[in-house]
Amino acid sequence: MTSPSLYVFFGLIASGKSTLSELFAKSHKAPCYNTDRVRKELAGIAASESRPDGMGQGIYTPEFTARTYQAMLEQAAEDMAGGIFTVVLDGSYARKSDRDQVRALGDKFKAKMFFIFCSCSDREVKRRLELRKKDPDAVSDGRWEIFVHQQSVFEFPVELPSGQLLELDTERPPEELLSIVEQFCLTSS
């Protein structure tokens, strides 16, 4: 029997994780669960509806964030229990405890786990955030002040073994990044 695989694309806002996770999921015909989309679904609002709530307010309270991550875990568990062998999660996963919950789920299903830590320069983050402001279909409500806050609280993933963690500078073309992710997953399996 084939083991399922769980792929987690994570990092600070505007790091390219959503672009890359969607490309990866599409190439594998896999479900992809994004915290921004799931959060807004739970709130009963359209994915592209802008919610510039302050940090820790509205749909961005710690409680709502925990609810969002829990809903993603439940969906991934349902998929793997139902025989889906590739599941993609996309979110900041800024806290070790959030990543630990994903790892516990993966262990429960004896899944191969791959954490792809996406990052880019501050200059590139600013550029991406400016583009996002002009996009009426943008799902993320990320802003520069949130990025700065995330930098101060992000817990670097030192707990992840090298065979599960790929650190990726996302300032290259998406197709090239996808190739790097694919190669990492092949060699780490």
Protein backbone atom coordinates (compact mmCIF):
# COMPACT_ATOMS: atom_id res chain seq x y z
CA MET A 1 0.00 0.00 0.00
CA THR A 2 1.24 3.47 -0.91
CA SER A 3 1.80 5.94 1.93
CA PRO A 4 0.17 9.34 1.64
CA SER A 5 2.30 12.47 1.36
CA LEU A 6 1.69 15.75 3.12
CA TYR A 7 3.30 18.90 1.68
CA VAL A 8 3.38 22.08 3.76
CA PHE A 9 4.35 25.34 2.03
CA PHE A 10 5.01 27.88 4.76
CA GLY A 11 6.72 31.16 5.59
CA LEU A 12 5.99 34.84 6.06
CA ILE A 13 3.40 36.72 4.02
CA ALA A 14 4.27 37.44 0.38
CA SER A 15 7.01 34.80 0.44
CA GLY A 16 5.60 33.02 -2.62
CA LYS A 17 4.21 30.04 -0.74
CA SER A 18 0.70 30.28 -2.19
CA THR A 19 1.85 30.65 -5.78
CA LEU A 20 4.17 27.67 -5.40
CA SER A 21 1.74 25.49 -3.43
CA GLU A 22 -1.00 26.03 -6.01
CA LEU A 23 1.39 25.19 -8.85
CA PHE A 24 2.58 22.07 -7.01
CA ALA A 25 -0.97 20.95 -6.20
CA LYS A 26 -2.10 21.49 -9.78
CA SER A 27 0.82 19.47 -11.16
CA HIS A 28 -0.09 16.59 -8.80
CA LYS A 29 -3.87 16.97 -9.12
CA ALA A 30 -3.94 17.30 -5.34
CA PRO A 31 -6.15 19.27 -2.98
CA CYS A 32 -4.54 22.44 -1.65
CA TYR A 33 -5.77 24.12 1.53
CA ASN A 34 -4.79 27.76 2.01
CA THR A 35 -5.21 29.51 5.37
CA ASP A 36 -6.50 32.72 3.76
CA ARG A 37 -9.24 30.88 1.87
CA VAL A 38 -10.19 28.57 4.75
CA ARG A 39 -10.26 31.48 7.22
CA LYS A 40 -12.66 33.43 5.01
CA GLU A 41 -14.81 30.35 4.37
CA LEU A 42 -15.13 29.87 8.13
CA ALA A 43 -16.08 33.55 8.46
CA GLY A 44 -18.71 33.18 5.74
CA ILE A 45 -17.18 35.78 3.42
CA ALA A 46 -15.91 35.67 -0.16
CA ALA A 47 -12.25 34.75 -0.58
CA SER A 48 -11.45 38.02 -2.33
CA GLU A 49 -13.29 40.20 0.21
CA SER A 50 -10.74 42.46 1.84
CA ARG A 51 -10.65 42.28 5.63
CA PRO A 52 -7.98 44.73 6.77
CA ASP A 53 -8.56 43.87 10.42
CA GLY A 54 -5.79 44.86 12.76
CA MET A 55 -3.31 42.28 13.99
CA GLY A 56 -5.02 39.94 16.42
CA GLN A 57 -8.47 41.33 15.62
CA GLY A 58 -11.57 40.21 13.69
CA ILE A 59 -10.87 37.04 11.73
CA TYR A 60 -7.21 37.30 12.74
CA THR A 61 -7.57 36.64 16.46
CA PRO A 62 -5.45 33.80 17.83
CA GLU A 63 -8.65 31.81 18.41
CA PHE A 64 -9.84 32.21 14.83
CA THR A 65 -6.38 31.37 13.54
CA ALA A 66 -6.36 28.18 15.63
CA ARG A 67 -9.79 27.33 14.25
CA THR A 68 -8.48 27.88 10.72
CA TYR A 69 -5.50 25.57 11.19
CA GLN A 70 -7.74 22.95 12.83
CA ALA A 71 -10.15 23.03 9.89
CA MET A 72 -7.23 22.48 7.51
CA LEU A 73 -5.99 19.53 9.57
CA GLU A 74 -9.46 18.00 9.61
CA GLN A 75 -9.79 18.34 5.84
CA ALA A 76 -6.34 16.82 5.26
CA ALA A 77 -7.24 13.93 7.61
CA GLU A 78 -10.50 13.36 5.76
CA ASP A 79 -8.67 13.34 2.42
CA MET A 80 -5.99 10.89 3.56
CA ALA A 81 -8.57 8.64 5.24
CA GLY A 82 -10.49 8.69 1.96
CA GLY A 83 -7.51 7.49 -0.04
CA ILE A 84 -6.11 10.78 -1.36
CA PHE A 85 -2.35 10.28 -1.37
CA THR A 86 -1.13 13.84 -1.90
CA VAL A 87 -2.38 16.74 0.23
CA VAL A 88 -1.00 20.28 0.19
CA LEU A 89 -1.25 22.79 3.05
CA ASP A 90 -0.39 26.47 2.60
CA GLY A 91 -0.03 28.92 5.47
CA SER A 92 2.50 30.77 7.57
CA TYR A 93 2.83 27.98 10.16
CA ALA A 94 4.83 30.53 12.12
CA ARG A 95 4.66 28.58 15.37
CA LYS A 96 6.35 25.30 16.14
CA SER A 97 3.14 24.11 17.82
CA ASP A 98 1.20 24.52 14.55
CA ARG A 99 3.84 22.56 12.66
CA ASP A 100 3.83 19.92 15.41
CA GLN A 101 0.10 19.38 14.86
CA VAL A 102 0.73 18.79 11.16
CA ARG A 103 3.49 16.34 12.02
CA ALA A 104 1.19 14.49 14.45
CA LEU A 105 -1.40 14.17 11.70
CA GLY A 106 1.22 12.92 9.27
CA ASP A 107 2.44 10.38 11.82
CA LYS A 108 -1.13 9.17 12.39
CA PHE A 109 -1.47 8.38 8.68
CA LYS A 110 2.16 7.24 8.30
CA ALA A 111 2.50 9.97 5.68
CA LYS A 112 5.69 11.22 4.14
CA MET A 113 6.01 14.85 5.19
CA PHE A 114 7.71 17.68 3.37
CA PHE A 115 7.90 21.24 4.71
CA ILE A 116 8.86 23.83 2.11
CA PHE A 117 9.95 27.04 3.85
CA CYS A 118 9.51 29.90 1.39
CA SER A 119 11.32 33.21 1.78
CA CYS A 120 12.50 36.19 -0.23
CA SER A 121 14.12 39.57 0.35
CA ASP A 122 12.28 42.40 2.09
CA ARG A 123 12.49 44.34 -1.19
CA GLU A 124 10.67 41.53 -3.00
CA VAL A 125 8.05 41.29 -0.23
CA LYS A 126 7.33 45.02 -0.67
CA ARG A 127 7.03 44.60 -4.43
CA ARG A 128 4.66 41.64 -4.08
CA LEU A 129 2.51 43.42 -1.49
CA GLU A 130 2.18 46.44 -3.81
CA LEU A 131 1.06 44.18 -6.65
CA ARG A 132 -1.40 42.44 -4.36
CA LYS A 133 -3.00 45.76 -3.34
CA LYS A 134 -3.91 46.36 -6.99
CA ASP A 135 -5.36 42.87 -7.54
CA PRO A 136 -9.15 42.78 -6.95
CA ASP A 137 -9.03 38.96 -6.78
CA ALA A 138 -6.30 38.82 -4.11
CA VAL A 139 -7.23 36.53 -1.23
CA SER A 140 -4.58 37.53 1.30
CA ASP A 141 -5.04 40.59 3.49
CA GLY A 142 -1.29 40.74 4.17
CA ARG A 143 0.29 44.15 4.58
CA TRP A 144 3.80 45.43 5.34
CA GLU A 145 3.08 46.00 9.05
CA ILE A 146 1.87 42.40 9.33
CA PHE A 147 5.06 41.20 7.63
CA VAL A 148 7.19 43.17 10.12
CA HIS A 149 5.19 41.70 13.02
CA GLN A 150 5.51 38.17 11.59
CA GLN A 151 9.28 38.61 11.37
CA SER A 152 9.41 39.34 15.10
CA VAL A 153 7.35 36.31 16.17
CA PHE A 154 8.17 33.67 13.56
CA GLU A 155 9.68 30.53 15.11
CA PHE A 156 12.30 29.20 12.74
CA PRO A 157 11.70 25.47 12.02
CA VAL A 158 14.72 24.06 13.85
CA GLU A 159 12.62 21.06 14.94
CA LEU A 160 12.27 19.73 11.40
CA PRO A 161 14.80 17.13 10.23
CA SER A 162 16.75 17.97 7.07
CA GLY A 163 14.95 15.26 5.08
CA GLN A 164 11.62 17.00 5.76
CA LEU A 165 12.68 20.64 5.38
CA LEU A 166 13.52 22.50 2.19
CA GLU A 167 14.48 26.17 2.58
CA LEU A 168 13.64 27.93 -0.67
CA ASP A 169 14.41 31.45 -1.89
CA THR A 170 11.38 32.17 -4.06
CA GLU A 171 12.88 34.94 -6.18
CA ARG A 172 13.25 32.59 -9.14
CA PRO A 173 10.68 31.66 -11.79
CA PRO A 174 7.88 29.46 -10.35
CA GLU A 175 8.59 26.59 -12.78
CA GLU A 176 12.22 26.50 -11.63
CA LEU A 177 11.11 26.49 -7.99
CA LEU A 178 8.66 23.68 -8.70
CA SER A 179 11.50 21.63 -10.18
CA ILE A 180 13.59 22.19 -7.03
CA VAL A 181 10.69 21.08 -4.81
CA GLU A 182 10.10 17.97 -6.95
CA GLN A 183 13.79 17.03 -6.80
CA PHE A 184 13.91 17.52 -3.03
CA CYS A 185 10.85 15.32 -2.50
CA LEU A 186 12.27 12.58 -4.73
CA THR A 187 15.64 12.51 -2.98
CA SER A 188 14.13 12.75 0.51
CA SER A 189 11.57 9.95 0.08
